[in-house]
Amino acid sequence: MLRMAAVSLLLCRLSLAQTGAGSADSLQSLRVYAIDVEGGKATLYVAPSGESMLVDAGYAGFDGRDAKRIATAAAQAGINQIDYLVVTHYHQDHIGGVPQIAARLPIRHVVDHGRNFENVKDVGALYEAYVALRLRSDYQEVRAGDLIPIHGMRVQVVTASGEAIAKPLPGQGARNPACGEYHALDPDPGENAHSIGFILTYGDFRLVDLGDLYWNQEHDLACPDNKLGTVDVYMTTHHGTKTSGSPQMVWALRPRVAIMNNGPRKGGSPEAWQTIHDSPGLLDLWQLHYSIAGEAGHNVPEPFIANLQEKCQGDGIVLTAHRDGSFTVRNGRTGFEKAYRK
């Protein structure tokens, strides 16, 4: 009997190691799931502690498509609730799916920037539905400099409600030589300019996610001094749209890897793609979709693209990061994986 029990225990451990859920490696790693919501945004972060943070929830409609894809990623991650829902801003491709995912998974805490700065087109009824859900949750309104208290990783808000952190992060603040070439765009008074952005740190690993932050507001983080420093991974801003992701911002970050949450016909602009491609020190750019506008000259090789066709299965990109700063990125469509050492 004892021998049979020992064999059963060994088989259980092997099974956990093969699935990744509950394995020793997953418990010691930060996992990031870039979920395909067809040009919207939904990114699931799972700390080594097991606590989770969902940043935005994609679109409403489409027969619950985006909520289903988020729930699938949560199941793959081995979690059964969202500990923190962070809403970067109130556009339909970011808050639309909130009620649908709340119907599938409990949401413990909701984080956003407070006031709605836009009352046009797509933020009316969807925003009201989101606020109704927010009233039923533990709620935190954040400002630049605040921490989102997730156990096992440090998440610091660096911009919110149109205001950036006043001082550089500790150890950062080097002069940015690219600022002399900066040119402002026409002001954006809406929600993109007020988007939440944050720096996530896990040991020596650093990741930046600025939501849909507008070009002009990026300037407050990058010029004349680089307040954020360099990062390992850049979750591209505004789906790779040309009104975000300025050279002054991207080149100051000097990411080793960038992950673009574009759709086939949204984001992935040739201008934004080229800026990222030309970033000093960049090793690889990964895309959720082949960009139709980018054509052959502004798309990465197929192994680095999760979805090649406009009508697709909605495959995602999974990043696994370790305390020493090393990490891997995997294409959900093919299983192709690449490791990046510190």
Protein backbone atom coordinates (compact mmCIF):
# COMPACT_ATOMS: atom_id res chain seq x y z
CA MET A 1 0.00 0.00 0.00
CA LEU A 2 2.80 2.38 0.88
CA ARG A 3 4.51 1.68 -2.43
CA MET A 4 1.28 2.36 -4.35
CA ALA A 5 0.80 5.62 -2.45
CA ALA A 6 4.33 6.69 -3.30
CA VAL A 7 3.76 5.93 -6.99
CA SER A 8 0.48 7.88 -6.95
CA LEU A 9 2.18 10.86 -5.35
CA LEU A 10 4.95 10.77 -7.98
CA LEU A 11 2.41 10.61 -10.81
CA CYS A 12 0.53 13.58 -9.31
CA ARG A 13 3.71 15.62 -9.16
CA LEU A 14 4.57 14.72 -12.74
CA SER A 15 1.09 15.74 -13.86
CA LEU A 16 1.37 19.12 -12.16
CA ALA A 17 4.77 19.71 -13.70
CA GLN A 18 3.44 18.91 -17.17
CA THR A 19 0.37 21.15 -16.93
CA GLY A 20 2.18 24.06 -15.28
CA ALA A 21 -0.79 24.81 -13.01
CA GLY A 22 0.40 24.52 -9.45
CA SER A 23 3.90 23.43 -10.49
CA ALA A 24 6.93 24.59 -8.53
CA ASP A 25 8.06 26.67 -11.52
CA SER A 26 4.75 28.51 -11.87
CA LEU A 27 4.65 29.23 -8.14
CA GLN A 28 8.07 30.88 -8.40
CA SER A 29 7.33 32.84 -11.56
CA LEU A 30 5.33 35.82 -12.73
CA ARG A 31 3.00 34.91 -15.60
CA VAL A 32 1.54 37.38 -18.07
CA TYR A 33 -1.21 36.43 -20.52
CA ALA A 34 -1.67 38.84 -23.43
CA ILE A 35 -5.22 37.90 -24.46
CA ASP A 36 -6.45 38.43 -27.99
CA VAL A 37 -9.53 40.67 -27.84
CA GLU A 38 -9.27 41.71 -31.49
CA GLY A 39 -7.56 45.07 -31.05
CA GLY A 40 -8.89 45.85 -27.60
CA LYS A 41 -7.01 45.19 -24.41
CA ALA A 42 -7.08 42.44 -21.80
CA THR A 43 -3.91 41.33 -20.05
CA LEU A 44 -3.88 38.91 -17.13
CA TYR A 45 -1.00 39.03 -14.64
CA VAL A 46 -0.56 36.23 -12.10
CA ALA A 47 1.96 36.82 -9.32
CA PRO A 48 4.01 33.99 -7.77
CA SER A 49 1.73 34.38 -4.74
CA GLY A 50 -1.21 33.31 -6.90
CA GLU A 51 -2.88 36.73 -6.75
CA SER A 52 -4.11 38.00 -10.10
CA MET A 53 -4.50 41.34 -11.86
CA LEU A 54 -6.59 41.73 -15.00
CA VAL A 55 -5.82 44.93 -16.90
CA ASP A 56 -8.92 45.84 -18.94
CA ALA A 57 -11.50 43.40 -20.29
CA GLY A 58 -11.93 43.93 -24.02
CA TYR A 59 -15.21 44.52 -25.80
CA ALA A 60 -18.84 43.77 -24.99
CA GLY A 61 -20.93 41.80 -27.47
CA PHE A 62 -19.64 39.23 -29.96
CA ASP A 63 -21.53 36.57 -27.99
CA GLY A 64 -19.29 37.15 -24.97
CA ARG A 65 -16.16 36.42 -27.03
CA ASP A 66 -13.72 38.48 -24.99
CA ALA A 67 -14.98 37.35 -21.59
CA LYS A 68 -14.71 33.74 -22.77
CA ARG A 69 -11.12 34.29 -23.85
CA ILE A 70 -10.25 35.92 -20.53
CA ALA A 71 -11.88 33.07 -18.63
CA THR A 72 -9.92 30.56 -20.73
CA ALA A 73 -6.65 32.33 -19.86
CA ALA A 74 -7.64 32.33 -16.17
CA ALA A 75 -8.27 28.58 -16.34
CA GLN A 76 -4.89 28.04 -17.99
CA ALA A 77 -3.32 30.08 -15.18
CA GLY A 78 -5.08 27.98 -12.57
CA ILE A 79 -6.99 30.86 -10.97
CA ASN A 80 -10.70 31.08 -10.17
CA GLN A 81 -11.07 34.78 -9.36
CA ILE A 82 -9.72 38.19 -10.36
CA ASP A 83 -8.11 39.77 -7.32
CA TYR A 84 -7.60 43.18 -8.97
CA LEU A 85 -9.33 44.49 -12.06
CA VAL A 86 -7.42 47.54 -13.30
CA VAL A 87 -9.35 49.66 -15.79
CA THR A 88 -6.87 51.93 -17.55
CA HIS A 89 -9.61 54.14 -19.06
CA TYR A 90 -13.23 54.04 -20.16
CA HIS A 91 -13.28 53.22 -23.87
CA GLN A 92 -15.38 50.35 -25.19
CA ASP A 93 -12.42 48.13 -26.06
CA HIS A 94 -11.25 48.28 -22.43
CA ILE A 95 -14.40 48.28 -20.27
CA GLY A 96 -16.95 46.67 -22.57
CA GLY A 97 -16.30 43.14 -21.37
CA VAL A 98 -16.27 43.93 -17.63
CA PRO A 99 -19.88 42.84 -16.85
CA GLN A 100 -19.41 39.64 -18.88
CA ILE A 101 -16.20 38.60 -17.13
CA ALA A 102 -17.73 39.51 -13.74
CA ALA A 103 -20.51 37.04 -14.50
CA ARG A 104 -17.89 34.32 -15.00
CA LEU A 105 -15.29 35.09 -12.33
CA PRO A 106 -15.54 36.91 -8.97
CA ILE A 107 -13.77 40.30 -8.96
CA ARG A 108 -12.46 41.26 -5.50
CA HIS A 109 -11.05 44.76 -6.12
CA VAL A 110 -11.56 47.35 -8.87
CA VAL A 111 -8.95 50.02 -9.66
CA ASP A 112 -9.36 53.00 -12.00
CA HIS A 113 -8.50 56.71 -12.34
CA GLY A 114 -11.84 58.04 -11.06
CA ARG A 115 -13.57 60.71 -13.07
CA ASN A 116 -14.67 60.03 -16.65
CA PHE A 117 -13.08 62.67 -18.89
CA GLU A 118 -15.07 61.80 -21.99
CA ASN A 119 -18.78 61.74 -22.71
CA VAL A 120 -18.90 60.96 -26.40
CA LYS A 121 -19.47 57.98 -28.68
CA ASP A 122 -18.60 54.72 -26.95
CA VAL A 123 -18.37 55.52 -23.24
CA GLY A 124 -21.98 56.24 -22.22
CA ALA A 125 -24.01 53.09 -21.51
CA LEU A 126 -20.91 50.93 -21.21
CA TYR A 127 -19.47 53.26 -18.61
CA GLU A 128 -22.72 53.18 -16.63
CA ALA A 129 -22.70 49.37 -16.66
CA TYR A 130 -19.10 49.39 -15.48
CA VAL A 131 -19.84 51.85 -12.65
CA ALA A 132 -22.75 49.69 -11.49
CA LEU A 133 -20.35 46.79 -11.11
CA ARG A 134 -17.72 48.97 -9.46
CA LEU A 135 -20.22 49.96 -6.77
CA ARG A 136 -20.52 46.31 -5.78
CA SER A 137 -16.75 45.81 -5.40
CA ASP A 138 -13.96 47.00 -3.16
CA TYR A 139 -12.81 50.09 -5.05
CA GLN A 140 -9.54 52.05 -5.28
CA GLU A 141 -9.08 55.27 -7.22
CA VAL A 142 -5.39 55.74 -8.02
CA ARG A 143 -3.12 58.63 -8.80
CA ALA A 144 0.42 58.73 -10.15
CA GLY A 145 2.79 57.32 -7.54
CA ASP A 146 0.24 54.99 -5.91
CA LEU A 147 0.83 51.28 -5.48
CA ILE A 148 -1.65 48.55 -6.40
CA PRO A 149 -1.17 46.19 -3.42
CA ILE A 150 -0.73 42.81 -5.09
CA HIS A 151 1.27 40.34 -3.02
CA GLY A 152 4.30 38.97 -4.82
CA MET A 153 5.00 41.78 -7.30
CA ARG A 154 5.26 45.55 -7.16
CA VAL A 155 2.85 47.52 -9.34
CA GLN A 156 3.39 51.29 -9.24
CA VAL A 157 1.12 53.71 -11.07
CA VAL A 158 3.22 56.24 -12.99
CA THR A 159 0.45 58.16 -14.74
CA ALA A 160 -3.29 58.59 -14.19
CA SER A 161 -5.91 61.25 -14.90
CA GLY A 162 -3.45 63.10 -17.14
CA GLU A 163 -0.83 63.52 -14.40
CA ALA A 164 2.57 61.81 -14.38
CA ILE A 165 4.78 61.07 -11.40
CA ALA A 166 6.53 64.27 -10.31
CA LYS A 167 9.95 62.72 -9.76
CA PRO A 168 11.85 59.87 -11.42
CA LEU A 169 11.52 56.42 -9.93
CA PRO A 170 14.38 55.48 -7.57
CA GLY A 171 17.64 55.06 -9.47
CA GLN A 172 16.17 56.52 -12.69
CA GLY A 173 16.10 60.02 -14.20
CA ALA A 174 18.87 59.99 -16.79
CA ARG A 175 18.78 62.75 -19.38
CA ASN A 176 16.91 61.68 -22.52
CA PRO A 177 18.90 62.67 -25.63
CA ALA A 178 15.94 62.03 -27.96
CA CYS A 179 13.87 64.84 -26.46
CA GLY A 180 15.40 67.47 -28.73
CA GLU A 181 13.50 65.95 -31.67
CA TYR A 182 10.13 65.86 -29.90
CA HIS A 183 7.08 67.44 -31.51
CA ALA A 184 3.72 67.55 -29.75
CA LEU A 185 0.51 66.46 -31.45
CA ASP A 186 -2.81 68.28 -31.20
CA PRO A 187 -4.10 67.86 -27.61
CA ASP A 188 -6.38 64.95 -26.77
CA PRO A 189 -8.85 66.01 -24.04
CA GLY A 190 -10.40 62.53 -23.80
CA GLU A 191 -9.79 59.30 -21.97
CA ASN A 192 -6.60 58.20 -23.75
CA ALA A 193 -4.75 61.20 -22.35
CA HIS A 194 -5.94 60.22 -18.86
CA SER A 195 -5.08 56.53 -19.06
CA ILE A 196 -3.49 54.66 -16.17
CA GLY A 197 0.05 53.48 -16.79
CA PHE A 198 2.24 51.43 -14.47
CA ILE A 199 5.64 49.83 -13.93
CA LEU A 200 5.57 46.23 -12.71
CA THR A 201 8.63 44.88 -10.91
CA TYR A 202 9.33 41.30 -9.90
CA GLY A 203 12.88 40.91 -8.58
CA ASP A 204 15.15 42.13 -11.38
CA PHE A 205 12.39 41.92 -13.98
CA ARG A 206 10.68 45.16 -15.08
CA LEU A 207 7.64 45.60 -17.35
CA VAL A 208 5.82 48.75 -18.42
CA ASP A 209 2.18 49.06 -19.45
CA LEU A 210 0.89 52.57 -20.23
CA GLY A 211 -2.59 51.60 -21.41
CA ASP A 212 -3.62 53.92 -24.25
CA LEU A 213 -1.63 56.90 -22.99
CA TYR A 214 -1.52 59.70 -25.56
CA TRP A 215 1.70 60.93 -27.21
CA ASN A 216 1.71 64.29 -25.42
CA GLN A 217 1.26 62.75 -21.97
CA GLU A 218 4.09 60.29 -22.65
CA HIS A 219 6.33 63.34 -22.88
CA ASP A 220 5.79 64.02 -19.16
CA LEU A 221 7.32 60.63 -18.36
CA ALA A 222 10.17 60.74 -20.87
CA CYS A 223 11.38 64.34 -21.17
CA PRO A 224 13.64 66.04 -20.40
CA ASP A 225 14.60 63.18 -18.07
CA ASN A 226 13.62 59.53 -18.34
CA LYS A 227 11.54 59.08 -15.18
CA LEU A 228 10.88 55.37 -15.72
CA GLY A 229 14.28 54.00 -16.69
CA THR A 230 14.72 50.93 -18.87
CA VAL A 231 12.53 47.81 -18.92
CA ASP A 232 12.72 44.21 -19.97
CA VAL A 233 9.27 44.15 -21.57
CA TYR A 234 7.15 46.89 -23.13
CA MET A 235 3.45 46.14 -23.48
CA THR A 236 2.94 48.47 -26.42
CA THR A 237 0.85 51.56 -25.84
CA HIS A 238 -2.55 52.05 -27.52
CA HIS A 239 -2.33 48.82 -29.54
CA GLY A 240 0.55 50.21 -31.59
CA THR A 241 -1.31 53.30 -32.81
CA LYS A 242 0.68 56.20 -34.28
CA THR A 243 -0.64 58.72 -31.72
CA SER A 244 1.15 56.85 -28.93
CA GLY A 245 4.54 55.23 -28.57
CA SER A 246 6.73 58.21 -29.43
CA PRO A 247 10.44 57.59 -30.07
CA GLN A 248 11.18 59.70 -26.99
CA MET A 249 9.18 57.29 -24.81
CA VAL A 250 9.97 53.94 -26.43
CA TRP A 251 13.67 54.54 -26.96
CA ALA A 252 14.06 55.77 -23.37
CA LEU A 253 12.53 52.51 -22.13
CA ARG A 254 14.97 50.44 -24.25
CA PRO A 255 12.87 47.27 -23.97
CA ARG A 256 14.45 43.95 -24.75
CA VAL A 257 11.06 42.61 -25.87
CA ALA A 258 7.82 44.33 -26.89
CA ILE A 259 4.39 42.68 -27.04
CA MET A 260 1.81 44.42 -29.23
CA ASN A 261 -1.91 43.95 -28.46
CA ASN A 262 -3.06 44.88 -31.94
CA GLY A 263 -5.90 43.53 -34.05
CA PRO A 264 -5.85 42.77 -37.76
CA ARG A 265 -7.28 46.20 -38.60
CA LYS A 266 -6.69 48.12 -35.39
CA GLY A 267 -3.31 49.23 -34.11
CA GLY A 268 -0.13 47.83 -35.54
CA SER A 269 0.41 51.02 -37.53
CA PRO A 270 3.55 51.15 -39.68
CA GLU A 271 4.70 54.29 -37.81
CA ALA A 272 4.41 52.76 -34.32
CA TRP A 273 5.81 49.44 -35.53
CA GLN A 274 8.88 51.12 -37.00
CA THR A 275 9.56 53.10 -33.81
CA ILE A 276 9.53 49.89 -31.77
CA HIS A 277 11.56 48.01 -34.38
CA ASP A 278 14.24 50.72 -34.27
CA SER A 279 14.39 50.90 -30.46
CA PRO A 280 17.99 50.49 -29.19
CA GLY A 281 18.57 47.08 -27.64
CA LEU A 282 15.32 45.50 -28.87
CA LEU A 283 15.67 41.76 -29.36
CA ASP A 284 12.16 40.88 -30.49
CA LEU A 285 8.69 42.28 -31.11
CA TRP A 286 5.73 39.91 -30.69
CA GLN A 287 2.28 40.67 -32.13
CA LEU A 288 -1.15 39.35 -31.24
CA HIS A 289 -2.21 39.77 -34.89
CA TYR A 290 -0.78 40.15 -38.31
CA SER A 291 -1.42 43.82 -39.14
CA ILE A 292 -3.15 44.23 -42.49
CA ALA A 293 -2.05 47.88 -42.68
CA GLY A 294 1.54 46.87 -41.95
CA GLU A 295 1.76 44.47 -44.92
CA ALA A 296 5.01 42.56 -45.31
CA GLY A 297 7.31 45.43 -44.39
CA HIS A 298 5.81 46.18 -40.98
CA ASN A 299 5.02 42.79 -39.51
CA VAL A 300 7.37 40.47 -37.65
CA PRO A 301 8.10 36.90 -38.84
CA GLU A 302 5.22 34.46 -38.44
CA PRO A 303 6.61 32.61 -35.37
CA PHE A 304 6.24 35.86 -33.42
CA ILE A 305 2.58 36.48 -34.42
CA ALA A 306 -0.18 34.75 -32.46
CA ASN A 307 -2.92 35.15 -35.09
CA LEU A 308 -2.19 35.27 -38.80
CA GLN A 309 -5.74 35.43 -40.18
CA GLU A 310 -8.40 38.08 -39.60
CA LYS A 311 -10.87 35.34 -38.62
CA CYS A 312 -8.96 33.41 -36.01
CA GLN A 313 -9.08 31.26 -32.89
CA GLY A 314 -8.00 34.16 -30.67
CA ASP A 315 -4.65 32.73 -29.62
CA GLY A 316 -2.66 34.70 -27.07
CA ILE A 317 0.94 35.29 -26.02
CA VAL A 318 2.21 34.05 -22.65
CA LEU A 319 5.21 35.51 -20.82
CA THR A 320 6.84 33.78 -17.83
CA ALA A 321 9.31 35.89 -15.84
CA HIS A 322 11.75 34.96 -13.08
CA ARG A 323 13.23 36.96 -10.21
CA ASP A 324 16.67 37.08 -11.84
CA GLY A 325 15.22 39.07 -14.76
CA SER A 326 15.17 36.19 -17.23
CA PHE A 327 11.92 35.34 -19.00
CA THR A 328 10.34 33.35 -21.80
CA VAL A 329 7.65 34.29 -24.31
CA ARG A 330 5.42 31.70 -25.95
CA ASN A 331 3.14 31.88 -29.00
CA GLY A 332 -0.20 30.29 -28.11
CA ARG A 333 -0.94 29.41 -31.72
CA THR A 334 2.17 27.33 -32.37
CA GLY A 335 3.80 26.72 -29.00
CA PHE A 336 6.95 28.42 -30.29
CA GLU A 337 8.85 29.75 -27.26
CA LYS A 338 11.92 31.88 -26.86
CA ALA A 339 14.00 32.45 -23.72
CA TYR A 340 15.63 35.77 -22.80
CA ARG A 341 18.41 35.79 -20.23
CA LYS A 342 19.33 38.80 -18.12
